[in-house]
Protein backbone atom coordinates (compact mmCIF):
# COMPACT_ATOMS: atom_id res chain seq x y z
CA MET A 1 -0.32 -0.01 0.07
CA GLN A 2 0.98 3.49 -0.93
CA VAL A 3 0.59 5.89 1.43
CA LEU A 4 0.60 10.00 1.30
CA ARG A 5 1.47 12.44 4.45
CA THR A 6 -0.08 15.68 4.02
CA PRO A 7 2.73 18.13 4.75
CA ASP A 8 2.37 20.04 8.76
CA GLU A 9 2.73 23.32 7.33
CA ARG A 10 -0.81 23.06 5.56
CA PHE A 11 -2.39 22.68 9.40
CA ALA A 12 -0.48 26.06 10.28
CA GLY A 13 -2.31 29.01 11.81
CA LEU A 14 -5.66 27.10 11.03
CA SER A 15 -8.51 29.19 11.96
CA ASP A 16 -10.03 28.21 15.82
CA TRP A 17 -7.86 25.41 15.91
CA PRO A 18 -5.14 25.76 18.94
CA PHE A 19 -5.52 21.94 19.90
CA ALA A 20 -1.73 20.55 19.61
CA PRO A 21 -1.80 16.77 17.28
CA HIS A 22 -1.25 13.59 18.71
CA TYR A 23 -0.35 10.59 16.73
CA ALA A 24 -0.76 6.66 17.10
CA THR A 25 0.88 4.21 14.55
CA ILE A 26 -1.21 0.91 13.51
CA THR A 27 -0.75 -1.51 11.07
CA ASP A 28 -2.73 -2.90 8.46
CA ALA A 29 -3.41 -6.36 7.54
CA ASP A 30 -1.19 -6.03 4.63
CA GLY A 31 1.79 -4.79 6.98
CA THR A 32 1.70 -0.90 6.00
CA SER A 33 2.03 0.96 8.84
CA LEU A 34 -0.19 3.90 8.98
CA ARG A 35 -0.12 7.25 11.07
CA LEU A 36 -3.32 8.28 12.43
CA HIS A 37 -4.16 11.58 13.92
CA TYR A 38 -6.36 12.69 16.92
CA VAL A 39 -7.34 15.43 19.68
CA ASP A 40 -6.62 14.28 23.01
CA GLU A 41 -7.50 17.54 25.17
CA GLY A 42 -8.58 17.56 28.91
CA PRO A 43 -7.84 15.98 32.14
CA ARG A 44 -6.58 12.23 31.71
CA GLU A 45 -8.82 11.05 34.74
CA ALA A 46 -12.04 13.08 33.17
CA PRO A 47 -14.94 11.19 32.06
CA VAL A 48 -14.05 10.81 28.15
CA VAL A 49 -16.12 11.80 25.00
CA LEU A 50 -14.74 10.55 21.65
CA LEU A 51 -16.16 12.59 18.81
CA MET A 52 -15.90 10.73 14.98
CA HIS A 53 -15.78 12.52 12.27
CA GLY A 54 -17.32 11.28 8.58
CA GLU A 55 -16.93 12.48 5.00
CA PRO A 56 -15.38 14.64 3.73
CA SER A 57 -14.59 16.40 7.02
CA TRP A 58 -12.02 15.93 9.75
CA ALA A 59 -11.50 16.77 13.51
CA TYR A 60 -11.48 20.37 12.29
CA LEU A 61 -15.70 19.54 12.39
CA TYR A 62 -15.48 19.35 16.20
CA ARG A 63 -13.16 22.44 17.41
CA ARG A 64 -15.90 24.46 19.06
CA MET A 65 -17.53 21.21 20.39
CA ILE A 66 -13.71 20.05 21.60
CA SER A 67 -13.52 23.55 23.18
CA GLY A 68 -16.96 23.58 24.73
CA LEU A 69 -16.42 20.09 26.18
CA ILE A 70 -13.16 20.58 27.76
CA ALA A 71 -14.57 23.69 29.58
CA LYS A 72 -17.16 21.40 31.20
CA GLY A 73 -14.17 19.25 32.22
CA TYR A 74 -13.67 15.99 29.96
CA ARG A 75 -11.41 14.69 28.53
CA VAL A 76 -11.99 15.23 24.68
CA VAL A 77 -10.46 12.57 21.99
CA ALA A 78 -11.55 13.28 18.05
CA PRO A 79 -9.82 11.29 15.72
CA ASP A 80 -8.89 11.69 11.72
CA LEU A 81 -10.03 8.84 9.74
CA ILE A 82 -7.40 7.46 7.50
CA GLY A 83 -7.83 8.83 4.52
CA PHE A 84 -8.55 12.20 5.93
CA GLY A 85 -7.71 15.15 8.00
CA ARG A 86 -3.37 14.93 9.71
CA SER A 87 -4.25 10.95 9.07
CA ASP A 88 -2.07 9.39 7.01
CA LYS A 89 -3.88 8.84 3.24
CA PRO A 90 -3.47 5.43 1.13
CA THR A 91 -2.99 6.56 -2.47
CA VAL A 92 -5.32 3.81 -4.69
CA ARG A 93 -9.07 3.96 -3.89
CA THR A 94 -9.51 0.22 -3.74
CA ASP A 95 -7.47 0.52 -0.65
CA TYR A 96 -10.11 2.32 1.21
CA THR A 97 -13.27 -0.26 2.37
CA TYR A 98 -15.52 -0.31 4.86
CA GLU A 99 -14.02 -3.31 7.06
CA ARG A 100 -10.26 -1.85 6.74
CA HIS A 101 -11.86 1.40 8.29
CA VAL A 102 -13.50 -0.50 10.92
CA ALA A 103 -10.18 -2.64 11.68
CA TRP A 104 -8.15 0.52 11.41
CA MET A 105 -9.90 2.60 14.27
CA SER A 106 -10.50 -0.46 16.37
CA ALA A 107 -6.61 -1.13 16.33
CA TRP A 108 -6.45 2.59 17.02
CA LEU A 109 -9.17 2.33 19.78
CA THR A 110 -7.49 -0.57 21.55
CA GLN A 111 -4.00 1.22 21.06
CA ILE A 112 -5.06 4.32 22.98
CA ASP A 113 -6.94 2.32 25.25
CA LEU A 114 -10.04 4.47 25.69
CA GLU A 115 -12.57 3.09 28.60
CA GLY A 116 -15.93 4.44 29.61
CA ALA A 117 -15.93 6.70 26.53
CA THR A 118 -19.27 8.66 25.41
CA LEU A 119 -19.54 8.51 21.83
CA PHE A 120 -20.80 11.35 19.33
CA CYS A 121 -21.19 10.18 15.83
CA GLN A 122 -22.46 12.09 12.51
CA ASP A 123 -21.83 10.53 8.80
CA TRP A 124 -19.01 8.04 8.49
CA GLY A 125 -18.74 8.68 11.82
CA GLY A 126 -21.10 6.66 12.82
CA LEU A 127 -20.82 3.99 10.50
CA ILE A 128 -17.86 3.26 11.74
CA GLY A 129 -18.09 4.53 15.56
CA LEU A 130 -21.21 2.31 16.02
CA ARG A 131 -19.33 -0.75 14.42
CA LEU A 132 -16.80 0.37 17.44
CA VAL A 133 -19.09 0.12 19.54
CA ALA A 134 -20.46 -3.11 18.34
CA ALA A 135 -17.33 -4.55 18.64
CA PHE A 136 -16.35 -3.27 22.08
CA PRO A 137 -19.49 -2.27 23.95
CA GLU A 138 -17.60 -2.30 27.12
CA ARG A 139 -15.77 0.39 26.41
CA PHE A 140 -18.58 2.61 25.83
CA ALA A 141 -21.10 4.40 28.28
CA ALA A 142 -23.12 6.21 26.55
CA VAL A 143 -23.43 6.89 22.54
CA ALA A 144 -24.83 10.43 20.87
CA VAL A 145 -25.97 10.00 16.96
CA GLY A 146 -26.68 12.54 14.47
CA ASN A 147 -27.38 12.63 11.02
CA THR A 148 -25.93 8.90 10.27
CA GLY A 149 -26.70 5.48 10.32
CA LEU A 150 -25.86 2.09 10.07
CA PRO A 151 -27.55 0.73 6.72
CA ILE A 152 -28.04 -2.95 6.09
CA GLY A 153 -28.43 -2.99 2.11
CA THR A 154 -32.42 -1.92 2.21
CA GLY A 155 -32.05 1.31 0.23
CA TRP A 156 -31.31 5.00 0.19
CA THR A 157 -32.51 8.50 0.40
CA ASP A 158 -32.67 10.91 -2.70
CA GLY A 159 -30.63 13.15 -0.98
CA PHE A 160 -27.48 10.60 -1.08
CA LYS A 161 -28.02 9.45 -4.88
CA ALA A 162 -27.91 12.85 -5.44
CA TRP A 163 -24.56 13.49 -3.34
CA LEU A 164 -23.30 9.54 -4.83
CA GLU A 165 -23.37 11.31 -8.38
CA PHE A 166 -22.02 14.38 -7.49
CA SER A 167 -18.69 12.99 -5.68
CA GLN A 168 -18.01 10.38 -8.47
CA ASN A 169 -18.45 12.76 -11.39
CA THR A 170 -16.99 15.83 -10.20
CA PRO A 171 -13.65 16.44 -11.94
CA VAL A 172 -12.39 18.00 -9.20
CA MET A 173 -13.58 17.59 -5.54
CA PRO A 174 -14.17 20.55 -3.52
CA ILE A 175 -14.00 19.42 0.02
CA GLY A 176 -14.54 23.04 1.64
CA LEU A 177 -17.30 23.95 -0.50
CA ILE A 178 -18.78 20.24 -0.19
CA VAL A 179 -19.07 21.21 4.04
CA ASN A 180 -20.20 24.68 3.28
CA MET A 181 -22.88 23.04 1.10
CA GLY A 182 -23.84 21.17 3.73
CA THR A 183 -23.89 23.90 6.75
CA GLY A 184 -26.95 25.80 7.38
CA ARG A 185 -24.54 28.76 7.91
CA ASP A 186 -22.21 30.09 5.24
CA LEU A 187 -19.07 29.52 6.58
CA THR A 188 -15.77 32.10 6.39
CA PRO A 189 -13.08 31.98 3.82
CA GLU A 190 -10.61 30.79 6.72
CA GLU A 191 -12.95 27.96 7.73
CA ILE A 192 -13.29 26.44 4.03
CA ALA A 193 -9.33 26.54 3.73
CA ALA A 194 -9.27 24.81 7.09
CA TYR A 195 -11.32 21.66 5.19
CA ASP A 196 -9.47 22.00 2.45
CA ALA A 197 -6.12 21.86 4.16
CA PRO A 198 -5.55 18.00 4.72
CA PHE A 199 -6.15 17.58 0.63
CA PRO A 200 -2.91 19.65 -1.49
CA ASP A 201 -4.35 17.93 -4.66
CA GLU A 202 -6.72 15.46 -5.90
CA SER A 203 -4.02 12.64 -5.06
CA PHE A 204 -4.69 12.81 -1.51
CA LYS A 205 -8.39 12.60 -1.92
CA GLU A 206 -9.05 8.85 -2.98
CA GLY A 207 -10.64 8.27 0.41
CA ALA A 208 -13.18 11.13 -0.10
CA ARG A 209 -13.78 9.65 -3.44
CA GLN A 210 -14.32 6.19 -2.30
CA PHE A 211 -16.61 6.67 0.91
CA PRO A 212 -19.67 7.19 -0.80
CA THR A 213 -19.47 3.97 -2.83
CA LEU A 214 -19.19 1.90 0.48
CA VAL A 215 -22.19 3.03 2.05
CA PRO A 216 -23.85 -0.58 1.85
CA VAL A 217 -27.23 0.84 0.38
CA THR A 218 -27.83 -2.58 -1.40
CA PRO A 219 -27.76 -6.11 -0.78
CA GLU A 220 -24.86 -6.79 -2.63
CA HIS A 221 -22.83 -4.06 -1.02
CA GLY A 222 -19.64 -5.23 0.95
CA SER A 223 -20.24 -4.79 4.96
CA VAL A 224 -24.36 -5.77 4.72
CA ALA A 225 -23.32 -8.75 7.51
CA GLU A 226 -21.20 -7.10 9.32
CA ASN A 227 -23.23 -4.49 10.10
CA LYS A 228 -26.42 -6.58 10.67
CA ALA A 229 -24.46 -8.46 13.02
CA ALA A 230 -23.71 -4.95 14.72
CA TRP A 231 -27.51 -4.48 14.80
CA GLU A 232 -27.90 -7.50 16.85
CA VAL A 233 -25.48 -6.20 19.82
CA LEU A 234 -26.84 -2.79 19.49
CA SER A 235 -30.31 -4.33 19.92
CA ALA A 236 -29.01 -5.35 23.55
CA PHE A 237 -27.33 -1.92 24.12
CA ASP A 238 -28.99 -0.76 27.33
CA LYS A 239 -26.35 2.07 28.13
CA PRO A 240 -27.83 5.34 27.62
CA PHE A 241 -28.55 6.38 23.58
CA LEU A 242 -29.64 9.72 22.02
CA THR A 243 -30.57 10.97 18.77
CA THR A 244 -29.47 14.30 18.04
CA PHE A 245 -30.54 14.39 14.29
CA SER A 246 -30.96 17.91 12.69
CA ASP A 247 -34.00 19.58 10.86
CA GLY A 248 -31.87 20.13 7.45
CA ASP A 249 -30.16 17.44 6.29
CA ALA A 250 -32.04 15.62 3.19
CA VAL A 251 -29.26 12.75 3.41
CA THR A 252 -30.12 11.10 6.36
CA ARG A 253 -33.45 12.84 7.35
CA GLY A 254 -35.81 10.63 9.29
CA GLY A 255 -33.03 8.42 10.31
CA GLU A 256 -33.43 8.46 14.18
CA ALA A 257 -36.72 6.41 13.93
CA ILE A 258 -34.16 3.11 13.49
CA PHE A 259 -32.52 3.99 16.54
CA GLN A 260 -34.93 4.97 18.80
CA ALA A 261 -36.81 1.35 18.47
CA LYS A 262 -34.25 -1.03 18.42
CA VAL A 263 -31.44 0.55 20.83
CA PRO A 264 -32.97 -0.11 24.56
CA GLY A 265 -30.81 2.74 25.85
CA ALA A 266 -32.56 4.79 23.64
CA ALA A 267 -35.85 4.21 25.65
CA GLY A 268 -36.55 7.57 27.78
CA GLN A 269 -33.76 9.39 26.41
CA PRO A 270 -34.33 13.65 25.67
CA HIS A 271 -34.17 12.64 21.96
CA VAL A 272 -34.38 16.16 20.14
CA ILE A 273 -34.11 17.30 16.51
CA VAL A 274 -31.60 20.30 16.22
CA SER A 275 -31.72 23.45 14.15
CA GLY A 276 -28.71 22.18 11.53
CA GLY A 277 -27.53 21.24 7.87
CA HIS A 278 -25.64 18.01 7.62
CA PHE A 279 -22.82 19.21 9.33
CA LEU A 280 -24.79 20.23 12.16
CA GLN A 281 -21.86 20.39 14.23
CA GLU A 282 -21.05 24.26 12.62
CA ASP A 283 -24.47 24.80 13.21
CA CYS A 284 -25.31 24.31 16.62
CA PRO A 285 -21.89 23.34 18.47
CA GLU A 286 -23.25 24.68 21.69
CA VAL A 287 -26.60 23.19 21.67
CA LEU A 288 -24.61 19.44 20.83
CA THR A 289 -22.22 19.79 23.79
CA ASP A 290 -25.34 20.61 26.40
CA LEU A 291 -26.59 17.45 24.99
CA ILE A 292 -23.27 15.65 25.35
CA ASP A 293 -22.96 17.29 28.96
CA GLY A 294 -26.45 15.73 29.89
CA LEU A 295 -25.92 12.63 28.23
CA VAL A 296 -22.60 11.79 30.04
CA ARG A 297 -24.07 13.03 33.57
CA ARG A 298 -27.28 10.56 33.25
CA ALA A 299 -24.91 7.75 32.43
CA HIS A 300 -22.58 8.39 35.32
CA ALA A 301 -25.28 9.06 37.43
């Protein structure tokens, strides 16, 4: 596997990003070493909040939530998926599979040995993060999901169809503008530039290109069986489980219903529909921070 690494200078002076980088080295099944970047802020002994991003963003998406959760006394961990942010980027699209992403993040989670974590996940952060919960339920104290899912080949929305077609056919993938199109507010030029920072040119975007094709929306897709097995675990997950979907996302609209119906821990939780687009972290970070704070408190009560 050939791997690219975004030069550090691309991340110098980013708007509203004071966090020091942390790195873990994980080894793919083929023997390739991959460097994975993550934010790790706040007191080591405090309850852990794990924030997982999706496509085509990186941990920068959580910058305001990281600051807000630190201020509330939590340890906050926010990784960059392989292929995104400051993490290494394999150069061939077929190097990226759903199961490889799960394996990479499982190796990272166990290496840094997170315990008692409250997960907040959005987009592919949920497709991968919920697989981590299913694989290591003992490591998680609570879960919050927003604008995500765990598909098992039963179809997709018109919004996702449009995104899939765009992502596979646009000659230049404008990462920062894509994030801007998925928010309810207009990002500043500096914020858009920060989303573009991990990708000096198109060769760095193979993961971002491939992700939409990996969503298991048909029975023929890979990972349908693995996700069905994960649902079996989630169907017995009785720790606090909160849905925080937004009102302005055509891709995942209505996706909260299956979690509320199937996950025992969702019963009695104060589920909300928040105001925002697909990238709700950009539109209502303070609201989400308060919701996570309440969730952690209930989990540790």
